[in-house]
PDB file of N, CA and C in Angstrom:
ATOM      1  N   MET A   1       5.665  15.705  -2.478  1.00  0.00           N
ATOM      2  CA  MET A   1       5.215  14.784  -3.507  1.00  0.00           C
ATOM      3  C   MET A   1       5.824  13.406  -3.193  1.00  0.00           C
ATOM      4  N   ASN A   2       4.976  12.390  -3.181  1.00  0.00           N
ATOM      5  CA  ASN A   2       5.495  11.051  -2.894  1.00  0.00           C
ATOM      6  C   ASN A   2       6.242  10.501  -4.121  1.00  0.00           C
ATOM      7  N   PRO A   3       7.107   9.497  -3.917  1.00  0.00           N
ATOM      8  CA  PRO A   3       7.918   8.972  -5.032  1.00  0.00           C
ATOM      9  C   PRO A   3       7.090   8.414  -6.186  1.00  0.00           C
ATOM     10  N   LEU A   4       5.930   7.836  -5.899  1.00  0.00           N
ATOM     11  CA  LEU A   4       5.075   7.304  -6.954  1.00  0.00           C
ATOM     12  C   LEU A   4       4.609   8.424  -7.878  1.00  0.00           C
ATOM     13  N   ASP A   5       4.112   9.511  -7.307  1.00  0.00           N
ATOM     14  CA  ASP A   5       3.666  10.654  -8.109  1.00  0.00           C
ATOM     15  C   ASP A   5       4.834  11.317  -8.836  1.00  0.00           C
ATOM     16  N   LYS A   6       5.988  11.351  -8.189  1.00  0.00           N
ATOM     17  CA  LYS A   6       7.172  11.964  -8.787  1.00  0.00           C
ATOM     18  C   LYS A   6       7.590  11.211 -10.053  1.00  0.00           C
ATOM     19  N   ASN A   7       7.607   9.876  -9.990  1.00  0.00           N
ATOM     20  CA  ASN A   7       7.970   9.089 -11.168  1.00  0.00           C
ATOM     21  C   ASN A   7       6.909   9.173 -12.254  1.00  0.00           C
ATOM     22  N   LEU A   8       5.642   9.251 -11.874  1.00  0.00           N
ATOM     23  CA  LEU A   8       4.581   9.421 -12.870  1.00  0.00           C
ATOM     24  C   LEU A   8       4.724  10.751 -13.609  1.00  0.00           C
ATOM     25  N   ALA A   9       5.103  11.795 -12.879  1.00  0.00           N
ATOM     26  CA  ALA A   9       5.249  13.121 -13.480  1.00  0.00           C
ATOM     27  C   ALA A   9       6.381  13.154 -14.515  1.00  0.00           C
ATOM     28  N   LYS A  10       7.367  12.265 -14.385  1.00  0.00           N
ATOM     29  CA  LYS A  10       8.488  12.217 -15.326  1.00  0.00           C
ATOM     30  C   LYS A  10       8.102  11.624 -16.674  1.00  0.00           C
ATOM     31  N   LEU A  11       6.995  10.889 -16.724  1.00  0.00           N
ATOM     32  CA  LEU A  11       6.602  10.177 -17.935  1.00  0.00           C
ATOM     33  C   LEU A  11       5.869  11.080 -18.912  1.00  0.00           C
ATOM     34  N   SER A  12       5.951  10.729 -20.196  1.00  0.00           N
ATOM     35  CA  SER A  12       5.217  11.461 -21.226  1.00  0.00           C
ATOM     36  C   SER A  12       3.724  11.151 -21.093  1.00  0.00           C
ATOM     37  N   GLY A  13       2.898  11.913 -21.727  1.00  0.00           N
ATOM     38  CA  GLY A  13       1.444  11.776 -21.635  1.00  0.00           C
ATOM     39  C   GLY A  13       0.916  10.378 -21.915  1.00  0.00           C
ATOM     40  N   PRO A  14       1.222   9.783 -23.075  1.00  0.00           N
ATOM     41  CA  PRO A  14       0.690   8.449 -23.369  1.00  0.00           C
ATOM     42  C   PRO A  14       1.187   7.371 -22.400  1.00  0.00           C
ATOM     43  N   LYS A  15       2.455   7.461 -22.008  1.00  0.00           N
ATOM     44  CA  LYS A  15       2.984   6.486 -21.051  1.00  0.00           C
ATOM     45  C   LYS A  15       2.310   6.637 -19.690  1.00  0.00           C
ATOM     46  N   ARG A  16       2.112   7.882 -19.264  1.00  0.00           N
ATOM     47  CA  ARG A  16       1.457   8.142 -17.977  1.00  0.00           C
ATOM     48  C   ARG A  16       0.052   7.554 -17.970  1.00  0.00           C
ATOM     49  N   VAL A  17      -0.678   7.731 -19.062  1.00  0.00           N
ATOM     50  CA  VAL A  17      -2.032   7.183 -19.164  1.00  0.00           C
ATOM     51  C   VAL A  17      -1.992   5.657 -19.087  1.00  0.00           C
ATOM     52  N   LYS A  18      -1.016   5.048 -19.772  1.00  0.00           N
ATOM     53  CA  LYS A  18      -0.878   3.593 -19.743  1.00  0.00           C
ATOM     54  C   LYS A  18      -0.639   3.098 -18.317  1.00  0.00           C
ATOM     55  N   PHE A  19       0.265   3.761 -17.578  1.00  0.00           N
ATOM     56  CA  PHE A  19       0.544   3.347 -16.210  1.00  0.00           C
ATOM     57  C   PHE A  19      -0.649   3.579 -15.291  1.00  0.00           C
ATOM     58  N   LEU A  20      -1.368   4.657 -15.483  1.00  0.00           N
ATOM     59  CA  LEU A  20      -2.566   4.905 -14.669  1.00  0.00           C
ATOM     60  C   LEU A  20      -3.616   3.822 -14.915  1.00  0.00           C
ATOM     61  N   GLU A  21      -3.742   3.366 -16.155  1.00  0.00           N
ATOM     62  CA  GLU A  21      -4.663   2.265 -16.460  1.00  0.00           C
ATOM     63  C   GLU A  21      -4.223   0.974 -15.768  1.00  0.00           C
ATOM     64  N   ILE A  22      -2.916   0.713 -15.767  1.00  0.00           N
ATOM     65  CA  ILE A  22      -2.402  -0.482 -15.087  1.00  0.00           C
ATOM     66  C   ILE A  22      -2.626  -0.367 -13.584  1.00  0.00           C
ATOM     67  N   PHE A  23      -2.405   0.817 -13.002  1.00  0.00           N
ATOM     68  CA  PHE A  23      -2.663   1.022 -11.574  1.00  0.00           C
ATOM     69  C   PHE A  23      -4.117   0.698 -11.242  1.00  0.00           C
ATOM     70  N   GLU A  24      -5.027   1.163 -12.098  1.00  0.00           N
ATOM     71  CA  GLU A  24      -6.448   0.913 -11.860  1.00  0.00           C
ATOM     72  C   GLU A  24      -6.757  -0.579 -11.947  1.00  0.00           C
ATOM     73  N   ARG A  25      -6.145  -1.276 -12.895  1.00  0.00           N
ATOM     74  CA  ARG A  25      -6.342  -2.726 -12.999  1.00  0.00           C
ATOM     75  C   ARG A  25      -5.838  -3.432 -11.743  1.00  0.00           C
ATOM     76  N   ILE A  26      -4.691  -3.005 -11.243  1.00  0.00           N
ATOM     77  CA  ILE A  26      -4.140  -3.605 -10.029  1.00  0.00           C
ATOM     78  C   ILE A  26      -5.069  -3.352  -8.855  1.00  0.00           C
ATOM     79  N   ARG A  27      -5.500  -2.115  -8.687  1.00  0.00           N
ATOM     80  CA  ARG A  27      -6.384  -1.768  -7.555  1.00  0.00           C
ATOM     81  C   ARG A  27      -7.711  -2.508  -7.621  1.00  0.00           C
ATOM     82  N   SER A  28      -8.237  -2.723  -8.817  1.00  0.00           N
ATOM     83  CA  SER A  28      -9.530  -3.390  -8.952  1.00  0.00           C
ATOM     84  C   SER A  28      -9.401  -4.913  -8.941  1.00  0.00           C
ATOM     85  N   GLY A  29      -8.157  -5.421  -8.988  1.00  0.00           N
ATOM     86  CA  GLY A  29      -7.945  -6.866  -8.939  1.00  0.00           C
ATOM     87  C   GLY A  29      -7.981  -7.550 -10.286  1.00  0.00           C
ATOM     88  N   LYS A  30      -8.052  -6.797 -11.368  1.00  0.00           N
ATOM     89  CA  LYS A  30      -8.087  -7.373 -12.723  1.00  0.00           C
ATOM     90  C   LYS A  30      -6.658  -7.501 -13.250  1.00  0.00           C
ATOM     91  N   ILE A  31      -5.883  -8.397 -12.637  1.00  0.00           N
ATOM     92  CA  ILE A  31      -4.464  -8.495 -12.944  1.00  0.00           C
ATOM     93  C   ILE A  31      -4.130  -9.596 -13.939  1.00  0.00           C
ATOM     94  N   VAL A  32      -5.134 -10.280 -14.433  1.00  0.00           N
ATOM     95  CA  VAL A  32      -4.904 -11.329 -15.433  1.00  0.00           C
ATOM     96  C   VAL A  32      -4.331 -10.685 -16.698  1.00  0.00           C
ATOM     97  N   GLY A  33      -3.260 -11.263 -17.219  1.00  0.00           N
ATOM     98  CA  GLY A  33      -2.647 -10.751 -18.435  1.00  0.00           C
ATOM     99  C   GLY A  33      -1.467  -9.830 -18.181  1.00  0.00           C
ATOM    100  N   LEU A  34      -1.246  -9.427 -16.922  1.00  0.00           N
ATOM    101  CA  LEU A  34      -0.092  -8.602 -16.597  1.00  0.00           C
ATOM    102  C   LEU A  34       1.092  -9.506 -16.273  1.00  0.00           C
ATOM    103  N   ASP A  35       2.304  -9.025 -16.509  1.00  0.00           N
ATOM    104  CA  ASP A  35       3.524  -9.786 -16.224  1.00  0.00           C
ATOM    105  C   ASP A  35       3.853  -9.616 -14.739  1.00  0.00           C
ATOM    106  N   ILE A  36       3.344 -10.530 -13.911  1.00  0.00           N
ATOM    107  CA  ILE A  36       3.447 -10.419 -12.453  1.00  0.00           C
ATOM    108  C   ILE A  36       4.325 -11.526 -11.898  1.00  0.00           C
ATOM    109  N   LYS A  37       5.138 -11.167 -10.896  1.00  0.00           N
ATOM    110  CA  LYS A  37       5.919 -12.139 -10.144  1.00  0.00           C
ATOM    111  C   LYS A  37       5.881 -11.750  -8.676  1.00  0.00           C
ATOM    112  N   LYS A  38       5.850 -12.756  -7.815  1.00  0.00           N
ATOM    113  CA  LYS A  38       5.913 -12.525  -6.374  1.00  0.00           C
ATOM    114  C   LYS A  38       7.342 -12.158  -6.014  1.00  0.00           C
ATOM    115  N   LEU A  39       7.524 -11.186  -5.103  1.00  0.00           N
ATOM    116  CA  LEU A  39       8.859 -10.788  -4.679  1.00  0.00           C
ATOM    117  C   LEU A  39       9.372 -11.766  -3.633  1.00  0.00           C
ATOM    118  N   HIS A  40      10.593 -12.214  -3.796  1.00  0.00           N
ATOM    119  CA  HIS A  40      11.211 -13.164  -2.871  1.00  0.00           C
ATOM    120  C   HIS A  40      11.356 -12.532  -1.491  1.00  0.00           C
ATOM    121  N   GLY A  41      11.011 -13.281  -0.465  1.00  0.00           N
ATOM    122  CA  GLY A  41      11.178 -12.815   0.907  1.00  0.00           C
ATOM    123  C   GLY A  41      10.106 -11.846   1.369  1.00  0.00           C
ATOM    124  N   LYS A  42       9.122 -11.589   0.560  1.00  0.00           N
ATOM    125  CA  LYS A  42       8.037 -10.669   0.925  1.00  0.00           C
ATOM    126  C   LYS A  42       6.740 -11.456   0.993  1.00  0.00           C
ATOM    127  N   GLU A  43       5.953 -11.192   2.006  1.00  0.00           N
ATOM    128  CA  GLU A  43       4.728 -11.958   2.231  1.00  0.00           C
ATOM    129  C   GLU A  43       3.694 -11.754   1.121  1.00  0.00           C
ATOM    130  N   ASN A  44       3.324 -10.530   0.847  1.00  0.00           N
ATOM    131  CA  ASN A  44       2.242 -10.253  -0.103  1.00  0.00           C
ATOM    132  C   ASN A  44       2.613  -9.178  -1.119  1.00  0.00           C
ATOM    133  N   GLN A  45       3.881  -9.090  -1.496  1.00  0.00           N
ATOM    134  CA  GLN A  45       4.301  -8.074  -2.451  1.00  0.00           C
ATOM    135  C   GLN A  45       4.658  -8.715  -3.787  1.00  0.00           C
ATOM    136  N   TYR A  46       4.275  -8.006  -4.848  1.00  0.00           N
ATOM    137  CA  TYR A  46       4.455  -8.485  -6.212  1.00  0.00           C
ATOM    138  C   TYR A  46       4.986  -7.352  -7.074  1.00  0.00           C
ATOM    139  N   ARG A  47       5.528  -7.723  -8.231  1.00  0.00           N
ATOM    140  CA  ARG A  47       5.948  -6.707  -9.189  1.00  0.00           C
ATOM    141  C   ARG A  47       5.266  -6.981 -10.520  1.00  0.00           C
ATOM    142  N   VAL A  48       4.984  -5.900 -11.231  1.00  0.00           N
ATOM    143  CA  VAL A  48       4.475  -5.975 -12.596  1.00  0.00           C
ATOM    144  C   VAL A  48       5.555  -5.378 -13.483  1.00  0.00           C
ATOM    145  N   ARG A  49       5.940  -6.115 -14.515  1.00  0.00           N
ATOM    146  CA  ARG A  49       6.966  -5.629 -15.438  1.00  0.00           C
ATOM    147  C   ARG A  49       6.282  -4.984 -16.637  1.00  0.00           C
ATOM    148  N   VAL A  50       6.680  -3.741 -16.932  1.00  0.00           N
ATOM    149  CA  VAL A  50       6.196  -3.018 -18.107  1.00  0.00           C
ATOM    150  C   VAL A  50       7.430  -2.433 -18.779  1.00  0.00           C
ATOM    151  N   GLY A  51       8.014  -3.197 -19.702  1.00  0.00           N
ATOM    152  CA  GLY A  51       9.255  -2.772 -20.340  1.00  0.00           C
ATOM    153  C   GLY A  51      10.361  -2.666 -19.312  1.00  0.00           C
ATOM    154  N   GLN A  52      11.022  -1.516 -19.237  1.00  0.00           N
ATOM    155  CA  GLN A  52      12.073  -1.282 -18.252  1.00  0.00           C
ATOM    156  C   GLN A  52      11.513  -0.824 -16.903  1.00  0.00           C
ATOM    157  N   TRP A  53      10.227  -0.597 -16.809  1.00  0.00           N
ATOM    158  CA  TRP A  53       9.603  -0.099 -15.591  1.00  0.00           C
ATOM    159  C   TRP A  53       9.054  -1.238 -14.758  1.00  0.00           C
ATOM    160  N   ARG A  54       9.039  -1.037 -13.428  1.00  0.00           N
ATOM    161  CA  ARG A  54       8.482  -2.003 -12.504  1.00  0.00           C
ATOM    162  C   ARG A  54       7.464  -1.302 -11.608  1.00  0.00           C
ATOM    163  N   ILE A  55       6.344  -1.963 -11.415  1.00  0.00           N
ATOM    164  CA  ILE A  55       5.319  -1.483 -10.492  1.00  0.00           C
ATOM    165  C   ILE A  55       5.286  -2.492  -9.349  1.00  0.00           C
ATOM    166  N   ILE A  56       5.546  -2.033  -8.136  1.00  0.00           N
ATOM    167  CA  ILE A  56       5.520  -2.896  -6.964  1.00  0.00           C
ATOM    168  C   ILE A  56       4.188  -2.661  -6.264  1.00  0.00           C
ATOM    169  N   PHE A  57       3.475  -3.758  -5.979  1.00  0.00           N
ATOM    170  CA  PHE A  57       2.203  -3.611  -5.266  1.00  0.00           C
ATOM    171  C   PHE A  57       2.081  -4.677  -4.202  1.00  0.00           C
ATOM    172  N   GLU A  58       1.153  -4.425  -3.282  1.00  0.00           N
ATOM    173  CA  GLU A  58       0.935  -5.317  -2.152  1.00  0.00           C
ATOM    174  C   GLU A  58      -0.526  -5.742  -2.123  1.00  0.00           C
ATOM    175  N   GLN A  59      -0.752  -7.024  -1.881  1.00  0.00           N
ATOM    176  CA  GLN A  59      -2.114  -7.530  -1.729  1.00  0.00           C
ATOM    177  C   GLN A  59      -2.442  -7.588  -0.245  1.00  0.00           C
ATOM    178  N   THR A  60      -3.558  -6.970   0.143  1.00  0.00           N
ATOM    179  CA  THR A  60      -4.022  -7.010   1.523  1.00  0.00           C
ATOM    180  C   THR A  60      -5.477  -7.445   1.526  1.00  0.00           C
ATOM    181  N   SER A  61      -6.024  -7.605   2.711  1.00  0.00           N
ATOM    182  CA  SER A  61      -7.431  -7.990   2.812  1.00  0.00           C
ATOM    183  C   SER A  61      -8.351  -6.878   2.296  1.00  0.00           C
ATOM    184  N   GLU A  62      -7.889  -5.620   2.305  1.00  0.00           N
ATOM    185  CA  GLU A  62      -8.678  -4.496   1.797  1.00  0.00           C
ATOM    186  C   GLU A  62      -8.576  -4.343   0.287  1.00  0.00           C
ATOM    187  N   GLY A  63      -7.595  -5.006  -0.332  1.00  0.00           N
ATOM    188  CA  GLY A  63      -7.399  -4.915  -1.777  1.00  0.00           C
ATOM    189  C   GLY A  63      -5.929  -4.749  -2.107  1.00  0.00           C
ATOM    190  N   ASN A  64      -5.646  -4.417  -3.346  1.00  0.00           N
ATOM    191  CA  ASN A  64      -4.272  -4.221  -3.809  1.00  0.00           C
ATOM    192  C   ASN A  64      -3.892  -2.752  -3.706  1.00  0.00           C
ATOM    193  N   HIS A  65      -2.643  -2.494  -3.274  1.00  0.00           N
ATOM    194  CA  HIS A  65      -2.153  -1.128  -3.118  1.00  0.00           C
ATOM    195  C   HIS A  65      -0.830  -0.987  -3.861  1.00  0.00           C
ATOM    196  N   VAL A  66      -0.753  -0.019  -4.770  1.00  0.00           N
ATOM    197  CA  VAL A  66       0.485   0.250  -5.498  1.00  0.00           C
ATOM    198  C   VAL A  66       1.443   0.949  -4.545  1.00  0.00           C
ATOM    199  N   LEU A  67       2.657   0.399  -4.412  1.00  0.00           N
ATOM    200  CA  LEU A  67       3.648   0.953  -3.498  1.00  0.00           C
ATOM    201  C   LEU A  67       4.708   1.781  -4.203  1.00  0.00           C
ATOM    202  N   LYS A  68       5.100   1.345  -5.410  1.00  0.00           N
ATOM    203  CA  LYS A  68       6.250   1.977  -6.040  1.00  0.00           C
ATOM    204  C   LYS A  68       6.198   1.809  -7.556  1.00  0.00           C
ATOM    205  N   LEU A  69       6.659   2.833  -8.250  1.00  0.00           N
ATOM    206  CA  LEU A  69       6.897   2.788  -9.700  1.00  0.00           C
ATOM    207  C   LEU A  69       8.345   3.184  -9.892  1.00  0.00           C
ATOM    208  N   ALA A  70       9.126   2.316 -10.529  1.00  0.00           N
ATOM    209  CA  ALA A  70      10.549   2.613 -10.688  1.00  0.00           C
ATOM    210  C   ALA A  70      11.062   2.067 -12.004  1.00  0.00           C
ATOM    211  N   ASN A  71      12.025   2.785 -12.567  1.00  0.00           N
ATOM    212  CA  ASN A  71      12.740   2.300 -13.733  1.00  0.00           C
ATOM    213  C   ASN A  71      13.701   1.238 -13.231  1.00  0.00           C
ATOM    214  N   ARG A  72      13.787   0.114 -13.897  1.00  0.00           N
ATOM    215  CA  ARG A  72      14.574  -1.023 -13.422  1.00  0.00           C
ATOM    216  C   ARG A  72      16.055  -0.677 -13.353  1.00  0.00           C
ATOM    217  N   ASN A  73      16.634  -0.830 -12.160  1.00  0.00           N
ATOM    218  CA  ASN A  73      18.074  -0.704 -11.949  1.00  0.00           C
ATOM    219  C   ASN A  73      18.437  -1.487 -10.695  1.00  0.00           C
ATOM    220  N   GLU A  74      19.674  -1.366 -10.223  1.00  0.00           N
ATOM    221  CA  GLU A  74      20.102  -2.160  -9.073  1.00  0.00           C
ATOM    222  C   GLU A  74      19.421  -1.762  -7.767  1.00  0.00           C
ATOM    223  N   LYS A  75      18.761  -0.620  -7.722  1.00  0.00           N
ATOM    224  CA  LYS A  75      18.110  -0.151  -6.497  1.00  0.00           C
ATOM    225  C   LYS A  75      16.593  -0.353  -6.496  1.00  0.00           C
ATOM    226  N   THR A  76      16.059  -0.910  -7.534  1.00  0.00           N
ATOM    227  CA  THR A  76      14.604  -1.020  -7.680  1.00  0.00           C
ATOM    228  C   THR A  76      13.937  -1.735  -6.518  1.00  0.00           C
ATOM    229  N   TYR A  77      14.512  -2.854  -6.086  1.00  0.00           N
ATOM    230  CA  TYR A  77      13.854  -3.668  -5.074  1.00  0.00           C
ATOM    231  C   TYR A  77      14.391  -3.453  -3.669  1.00  0.00           C
ATOM    232  N   ARG A  78      15.312  -2.526  -3.498  1.00  0.00           N
ATOM    233  CA  ARG A  78      15.805  -2.195  -2.163  1.00  0.00           C
ATOM    234  C   ARG A  78      14.762  -1.409  -1.394  1.00  0.00           C
ATOM    235  N   ASP A  79      14.853  -1.433  -0.107  1.00  0.00           N
ATOM    236  CA  ASP A  79      13.976  -0.649   0.791  1.00  0.00           C
ATOM    237  C   ASP A  79      12.511  -0.986   0.611  1.00  0.00           C
ATOM    238  N   MET A  80      12.216  -2.242   0.289  1.00  0.00           N
ATOM    239  CA  MET A  80      10.824  -2.657   0.155  1.00  0.00           C
ATOM    240  C   MET A  80      10.402  -3.447   1.356  1.00  0.00           C
TER     241      MET A  80
END
């Protein structure tokens, strides 16, 4: 199981549905209204803030790809 699926499995039903909806918005490019910031030192990587959770995604010529879902802590942005 990849880390993205593992973190999704930890969430309760309503929260999981909310994150899946946000993932779909990111993948489809409908990111207006989301709390997005570009990651420092990264070419095309961004984060979306949802409370204490962070969604890291990358913009490519093929579209947006969700890379990571993590609860915010000191290790959230490492190994990106």
